[in-house]
Amino acid sequence: MRWIACMLVAACLLASTAFPQTPAPEEFLERQGPFTIAGQSFTLFLHGMRLANSRTLTLLEIRDAAGNALYQKSFDYQVTAGAFQQRVSASARLVSAGGLAGLLVRYVRLPA
C-alpha cells in the first residue's frame, strides 16, 4: 500500500514539473473620470482580465453619477498557450467644439 502511495506522489510531482499549469486570468476594474459634461458627471468603468504582463477588456461601461449604466460594450476573450488571443484596451477624454461637449471613448483590439 505504501508503494502505491509513493507512486502516486511521484506521478503528481512529475506531472507538475513536466506540464506546468497556466495561471488563471485575474479580474481587474479600472475607473477613468469622472468627466463633467453640462453639469453631469460620467465615469468610464473598464472591466477586464489580467494574465502575467498582459491584460484585456471584457466590458466597457459609462455610468452616470448615480451609478446607472448608460452604455455597455462587452468583449470576448480567449487564452491560448498562456496568452490572450487578442488584447482590447480603451481610454476616454472630454472633447468640445462649437459650444458642444462630449466624451470620446476609444477602444482598440490588437492581436496577441
N, C-alpha and C. Protein backbone atom coordinates (compact mmCIF):
# COMPACT_ATOMS: atom_id res chain seq x y z
N MET A 1 0.82 -1.18 0.00
CA MET A 1 0.00 0.00 0.00
C MET A 1 0.87 1.25 0.00
N ARG A 2 1.96 1.21 0.80
CA ARG A 2 2.87 2.35 0.84
C ARG A 2 3.50 2.58 -0.53
N TRP A 3 3.75 1.51 -1.25
CA TRP A 3 4.35 1.60 -2.58
C TRP A 3 3.43 2.36 -3.54
N ILE A 4 2.11 2.09 -3.47
CA ILE A 4 1.14 2.77 -4.33
C ILE A 4 1.10 4.25 -4.00
N ALA A 5 1.12 4.59 -2.71
CA ALA A 5 1.10 6.00 -2.31
C ALA A 5 2.34 6.71 -2.81
N CYS A 6 3.49 6.08 -2.73
CA CYS A 6 4.74 6.68 -3.23
C CYS A 6 4.67 6.90 -4.74
N MET A 7 4.10 5.94 -5.45
CA MET A 7 3.98 6.07 -6.91
C MET A 7 3.05 7.23 -7.26
N LEU A 8 1.95 7.39 -6.51
CA LEU A 8 1.01 8.49 -6.78
C LEU A 8 1.67 9.84 -6.52
N VAL A 9 2.42 9.94 -5.43
CA VAL A 9 3.11 11.20 -5.12
C VAL A 9 4.14 11.49 -6.20
N ALA A 10 4.88 10.50 -6.63
CA ALA A 10 5.89 10.69 -7.68
C ALA A 10 5.22 11.11 -8.99
N ALA A 11 4.10 10.51 -9.33
CA ALA A 11 3.39 10.87 -10.56
C ALA A 11 2.89 12.31 -10.49
N CYS A 12 2.39 12.72 -9.35
CA CYS A 12 1.91 14.10 -9.19
C CYS A 12 3.06 15.09 -9.31
N LEU A 13 4.19 14.77 -8.70
CA LEU A 13 5.36 15.66 -8.79
C LEU A 13 5.87 15.74 -10.22
N LEU A 14 5.91 14.63 -10.90
CA LEU A 14 6.37 14.60 -12.28
C LEU A 14 5.42 15.40 -13.17
N ALA A 15 4.13 15.24 -12.99
CA ALA A 15 3.15 15.96 -13.81
C ALA A 15 3.23 17.46 -13.57
N SER A 16 3.47 17.88 -12.33
CA SER A 16 3.52 19.32 -12.06
C SER A 16 4.78 19.97 -12.61
N THR A 17 5.86 19.21 -12.75
CA THR A 17 7.08 19.80 -13.31
C THR A 17 7.15 19.63 -14.82
N ALA A 18 6.60 18.54 -15.35
CA ALA A 18 6.66 18.31 -16.79
C ALA A 18 5.63 19.16 -17.54
N PHE A 19 4.49 19.41 -16.93
CA PHE A 19 3.42 20.17 -17.56
C PHE A 19 2.99 21.29 -16.62
N PRO A 20 3.77 22.38 -16.57
CA PRO A 20 3.38 23.46 -15.66
C PRO A 20 2.02 24.03 -16.06
N GLN A 21 1.22 24.32 -15.06
CA GLN A 21 -0.12 24.83 -15.33
C GLN A 21 -0.06 26.32 -15.65
N THR A 22 -0.90 26.71 -16.61
CA THR A 22 -1.01 28.12 -16.96
C THR A 22 -1.79 28.82 -15.86
N PRO A 23 -1.27 29.94 -15.35
CA PRO A 23 -2.02 30.63 -14.31
C PRO A 23 -3.36 31.13 -14.84
N ALA A 24 -4.35 31.12 -13.98
CA ALA A 24 -5.70 31.56 -14.38
C ALA A 24 -5.72 33.09 -14.48
N PRO A 25 -6.46 33.62 -15.45
CA PRO A 25 -6.59 35.07 -15.55
C PRO A 25 -7.27 35.64 -14.30
N GLU A 26 -6.86 36.84 -13.91
CA GLU A 26 -7.44 37.52 -12.76
C GLU A 26 -8.24 38.73 -13.23
N GLU A 27 -9.36 38.99 -12.58
CA GLU A 27 -10.19 40.12 -12.95
C GLU A 27 -9.57 41.43 -12.46
N PHE A 28 -9.85 42.51 -13.20
CA PHE A 28 -9.47 43.85 -12.74
C PHE A 28 -10.58 44.83 -13.08
N LEU A 29 -10.58 45.95 -12.40
CA LEU A 29 -11.53 47.03 -12.65
C LEU A 29 -10.76 48.34 -12.59
N GLU A 30 -10.90 49.13 -13.63
CA GLU A 30 -10.23 50.44 -13.70
C GLU A 30 -11.30 51.49 -13.95
N ARG A 31 -11.18 52.62 -13.28
CA ARG A 31 -12.11 53.73 -13.48
C ARG A 31 -11.37 54.90 -14.10
N GLN A 32 -12.02 55.56 -15.05
CA GLN A 32 -11.49 56.80 -15.62
C GLN A 32 -12.57 57.86 -15.44
N GLY A 33 -12.19 59.00 -14.92
CA GLY A 33 -13.13 60.08 -14.67
C GLY A 33 -13.27 60.32 -13.19
N PRO A 34 -14.26 61.06 -12.77
CA PRO A 34 -15.44 61.45 -13.52
C PRO A 34 -15.17 62.57 -14.51
N PHE A 35 -15.95 62.56 -15.58
CA PHE A 35 -15.92 63.59 -16.61
C PHE A 35 -17.22 64.39 -16.47
N THR A 36 -17.11 65.70 -16.47
CA THR A 36 -18.30 66.54 -16.31
C THR A 36 -18.67 67.16 -17.65
N ILE A 37 -19.92 66.91 -18.06
CA ILE A 37 -20.46 67.44 -19.31
C ILE A 37 -21.80 68.09 -18.97
N ALA A 38 -21.91 69.38 -19.24
CA ALA A 38 -23.15 70.13 -19.00
C ALA A 38 -23.66 69.92 -17.57
N GLY A 39 -22.72 69.93 -16.61
CA GLY A 39 -23.09 69.80 -15.21
C GLY A 39 -23.37 68.39 -14.74
N GLN A 40 -23.26 67.39 -15.61
CA GLN A 40 -23.48 66.00 -15.23
C GLN A 40 -22.16 65.25 -15.24
N SER A 41 -22.00 64.34 -14.29
CA SER A 41 -20.76 63.56 -14.18
C SER A 41 -20.94 62.17 -14.78
N PHE A 42 -19.92 61.73 -15.49
CA PHE A 42 -19.89 60.41 -16.10
C PHE A 42 -18.55 59.76 -15.79
N THR A 43 -18.58 58.45 -15.55
CA THR A 43 -17.36 57.69 -15.26
C THR A 43 -17.28 56.51 -16.20
N LEU A 44 -16.09 56.26 -16.70
CA LEU A 44 -15.83 55.10 -17.55
C LEU A 44 -15.30 53.97 -16.67
N PHE A 45 -15.96 52.82 -16.72
CA PHE A 45 -15.53 51.64 -15.97
C PHE A 45 -15.00 50.62 -16.97
N LEU A 46 -13.78 50.19 -16.76
CA LEU A 46 -13.13 49.20 -17.62
C LEU A 46 -12.95 47.91 -16.83
N HIS A 47 -13.72 46.89 -17.18
CA HIS A 47 -13.62 45.57 -16.55
C HIS A 47 -12.76 44.71 -17.46
N GLY A 48 -11.91 43.88 -16.87
CA GLY A 48 -11.09 43.04 -17.72
C GLY A 48 -10.44 41.90 -16.99
N MET A 49 -9.55 41.24 -17.72
CA MET A 49 -8.79 40.11 -17.20
C MET A 49 -7.31 40.39 -17.39
N ARG A 50 -6.53 39.97 -16.38
CA ARG A 50 -5.09 40.16 -16.41
C ARG A 50 -4.42 38.78 -16.37
N LEU A 51 -3.38 38.63 -17.16
CA LEU A 51 -2.64 37.38 -17.23
C LEU A 51 -1.17 37.72 -17.37
N ALA A 52 -0.38 37.40 -16.38
CA ALA A 52 1.06 37.74 -16.36
C ALA A 52 1.22 39.24 -16.62
N ASN A 53 1.89 39.61 -17.70
CA ASN A 53 2.11 41.02 -18.01
C ASN A 53 1.16 41.55 -19.07
N SER A 54 0.07 40.85 -19.31
CA SER A 54 -0.87 41.23 -20.36
C SER A 54 -2.26 41.38 -19.75
N ARG A 55 -3.06 42.24 -20.38
CA ARG A 55 -4.44 42.40 -19.93
C ARG A 55 -5.34 42.72 -21.11
N THR A 56 -6.63 42.43 -20.93
CA THR A 56 -7.61 42.70 -21.98
C THR A 56 -8.93 43.07 -21.34
N LEU A 57 -9.70 43.89 -22.02
CA LEU A 57 -11.00 44.30 -21.51
C LEU A 57 -12.05 43.24 -21.81
N THR A 58 -13.00 43.10 -20.90
CA THR A 58 -14.15 42.23 -21.12
C THR A 58 -15.44 43.04 -21.15
N LEU A 59 -15.43 44.24 -20.53
CA LEU A 59 -16.63 45.08 -20.51
C LEU A 59 -16.22 46.53 -20.32
N LEU A 60 -16.81 47.39 -21.13
CA LEU A 60 -16.62 48.84 -21.04
C LEU A 60 -17.98 49.43 -20.69
N GLU A 61 -18.04 50.25 -19.64
CA GLU A 61 -19.29 50.86 -19.23
C GLU A 61 -19.11 52.36 -19.02
N ILE A 62 -20.14 53.12 -19.37
CA ILE A 62 -20.22 54.53 -18.99
C ILE A 62 -21.37 54.63 -18.01
N ARG A 63 -21.09 55.16 -16.81
CA ARG A 63 -22.12 55.30 -15.78
C ARG A 63 -22.28 56.77 -15.40
N ASP A 64 -23.50 57.12 -15.02
CA ASP A 64 -23.74 58.48 -14.53
C ASP A 64 -23.39 58.56 -13.05
N ALA A 65 -23.59 59.73 -12.45
CA ALA A 65 -23.22 59.95 -11.05
C ALA A 65 -23.99 59.04 -10.09
N ALA A 66 -25.19 58.61 -10.48
CA ALA A 66 -25.99 57.72 -9.64
C ALA A 66 -25.59 56.24 -9.80
N GLY A 67 -24.67 55.96 -10.72
CA GLY A 67 -24.23 54.58 -10.94
C GLY A 67 -25.01 53.84 -12.00
N ASN A 68 -25.92 54.53 -12.67
CA ASN A 68 -26.71 53.89 -13.74
C ASN A 68 -25.84 53.69 -14.98
N ALA A 69 -25.88 52.49 -15.54
CA ALA A 69 -25.13 52.20 -16.77
C ALA A 69 -25.86 52.82 -17.96
N LEU A 70 -25.20 53.77 -18.62
CA LEU A 70 -25.78 54.44 -19.78
C LEU A 70 -25.34 53.79 -21.08
N TYR A 71 -24.18 53.12 -21.05
CA TYR A 71 -23.65 52.46 -22.25
C TYR A 71 -22.82 51.28 -21.78
N GLN A 72 -22.92 50.16 -22.50
CA GLN A 72 -22.11 48.98 -22.23
C GLN A 72 -21.66 48.35 -23.54
N LYS A 73 -20.42 47.91 -23.56
CA LYS A 73 -19.86 47.19 -24.71
C LYS A 73 -19.04 46.04 -24.14
N SER A 74 -19.39 44.81 -24.51
CA SER A 74 -18.65 43.65 -23.99
C SER A 74 -17.71 43.11 -25.05
N PHE A 75 -16.66 42.45 -24.58
CA PHE A 75 -15.63 41.88 -25.45
C PHE A 75 -15.34 40.46 -24.97
N ASP A 76 -15.31 39.51 -25.89
CA ASP A 76 -14.95 38.14 -25.55
C ASP A 76 -13.43 38.02 -25.47
N TYR A 77 -12.97 37.05 -24.71
CA TYR A 77 -11.53 36.80 -24.68
C TYR A 77 -11.28 35.30 -24.66
N GLN A 78 -10.12 34.92 -25.19
CA GLN A 78 -9.68 33.53 -25.18
C GLN A 78 -8.22 33.49 -24.80
N VAL A 79 -7.85 32.48 -24.03
CA VAL A 79 -6.46 32.27 -23.65
C VAL A 79 -5.95 31.04 -24.38
N THR A 80 -4.85 31.21 -25.11
CA THR A 80 -4.22 30.11 -25.82
C THR A 80 -2.73 30.12 -25.49
N ALA A 81 -2.23 28.99 -25.05
CA ALA A 81 -0.81 28.85 -24.71
C ALA A 81 -0.37 29.92 -23.72
N GLY A 82 -1.23 30.21 -22.74
CA GLY A 82 -0.87 31.15 -21.68
C GLY A 82 -0.92 32.62 -22.05
N ALA A 83 -1.56 32.96 -23.19
CA ALA A 83 -1.65 34.36 -23.61
C ALA A 83 -3.04 34.63 -24.20
N PHE A 84 -3.46 35.89 -24.12
CA PHE A 84 -4.73 36.27 -24.73
C PHE A 84 -4.58 36.26 -26.24
N GLN A 85 -5.60 35.77 -26.95
CA GLN A 85 -5.54 35.75 -28.41
C GLN A 85 -5.63 37.16 -28.99
N GLN A 86 -6.35 38.03 -28.30
CA GLN A 86 -6.38 39.44 -28.68
C GLN A 86 -6.43 40.27 -27.40
N ARG A 87 -5.93 41.48 -27.49
CA ARG A 87 -5.94 42.40 -26.35
C ARG A 87 -6.80 43.59 -26.73
N VAL A 88 -7.70 43.97 -25.83
CA VAL A 88 -8.55 45.13 -26.03
C VAL A 88 -8.22 46.14 -24.95
N SER A 89 -8.02 47.39 -25.35
CA SER A 89 -7.78 48.46 -24.40
C SER A 89 -8.69 49.63 -24.76
N ALA A 90 -8.90 50.54 -23.80
CA ALA A 90 -9.79 51.68 -24.04
C ALA A 90 -9.33 52.87 -23.22
N SER A 91 -9.72 54.04 -23.68
CA SER A 91 -9.45 55.28 -22.96
C SER A 91 -10.56 56.27 -23.29
N ALA A 92 -10.67 57.31 -22.47
CA ALA A 92 -11.71 58.32 -22.69
C ALA A 92 -11.12 59.70 -22.44
N ARG A 93 -11.72 60.70 -23.11
CA ARG A 93 -11.34 62.09 -22.87
C ARG A 93 -12.50 62.99 -23.27
N LEU A 94 -12.52 64.15 -22.64
CA LEU A 94 -13.53 65.14 -22.99
C LEU A 94 -13.13 65.84 -24.28
N VAL A 95 -14.11 66.10 -25.13
CA VAL A 95 -13.88 66.88 -26.35
C VAL A 95 -14.95 67.96 -26.42
N SER A 96 -14.58 69.09 -26.98
CA SER A 96 -15.55 70.16 -27.16
C SER A 96 -15.24 70.92 -28.43
N ALA A 97 -16.29 71.40 -29.07
CA ALA A 97 -16.16 72.19 -30.30
C ALA A 97 -17.48 72.89 -30.55
N GLY A 98 -17.40 74.13 -30.94
CA GLY A 98 -18.60 74.87 -31.31
C GLY A 98 -19.65 74.96 -30.21
N GLY A 99 -19.21 75.05 -28.97
CA GLY A 99 -20.15 75.14 -27.87
C GLY A 99 -20.74 73.82 -27.42
N LEU A 100 -20.36 72.71 -28.05
CA LEU A 100 -20.83 71.38 -27.66
C LEU A 100 -19.70 70.63 -26.98
N ALA A 101 -20.05 69.72 -26.10
CA ALA A 101 -19.04 68.91 -25.40
C ALA A 101 -19.50 67.46 -25.40
N GLY A 102 -18.55 66.57 -25.33
CA GLY A 102 -18.88 65.15 -25.30
C GLY A 102 -17.74 64.33 -24.75
N LEU A 103 -17.99 63.08 -24.57
CA LEU A 103 -16.99 62.14 -24.07
C LEU A 103 -16.58 61.24 -25.24
N LEU A 104 -15.31 61.31 -25.59
CA LEU A 104 -14.79 60.47 -26.68
C LEU A 104 -14.18 59.22 -26.05
N VAL A 105 -14.76 58.08 -26.37
CA VAL A 105 -14.25 56.80 -25.87
C VAL A 105 -13.64 56.07 -27.05
N ARG A 106 -12.41 55.65 -26.87
CA ARG A 106 -11.67 54.96 -27.94
C ARG A 106 -11.28 53.58 -27.43
N TYR A 107 -11.61 52.55 -28.20
CA TYR A 107 -11.13 51.22 -27.82
C TYR A 107 -10.44 50.60 -29.02
N VAL A 108 -9.43 49.80 -28.72
CA VAL A 108 -8.56 49.21 -29.73
C VAL A 108 -8.44 47.72 -29.48
N ARG A 109 -8.56 46.93 -30.55
CA ARG A 109 -8.33 45.49 -30.48
C ARG A 109 -7.02 45.17 -31.18
N LEU A 110 -6.11 44.54 -30.48
CA LEU A 110 -4.82 44.17 -31.04
C LEU A 110 -4.63 42.65 -30.98
N PRO A 111 -4.08 42.05 -32.01
CA PRO A 111 -3.80 40.62 -31.93
C PRO A 111 -2.67 40.37 -30.93
N ALA A 112 -2.64 39.17 -30.42
CA ALA A 112 -1.62 38.80 -29.41
C ALA A 112 -0.23 38.89 -29.96
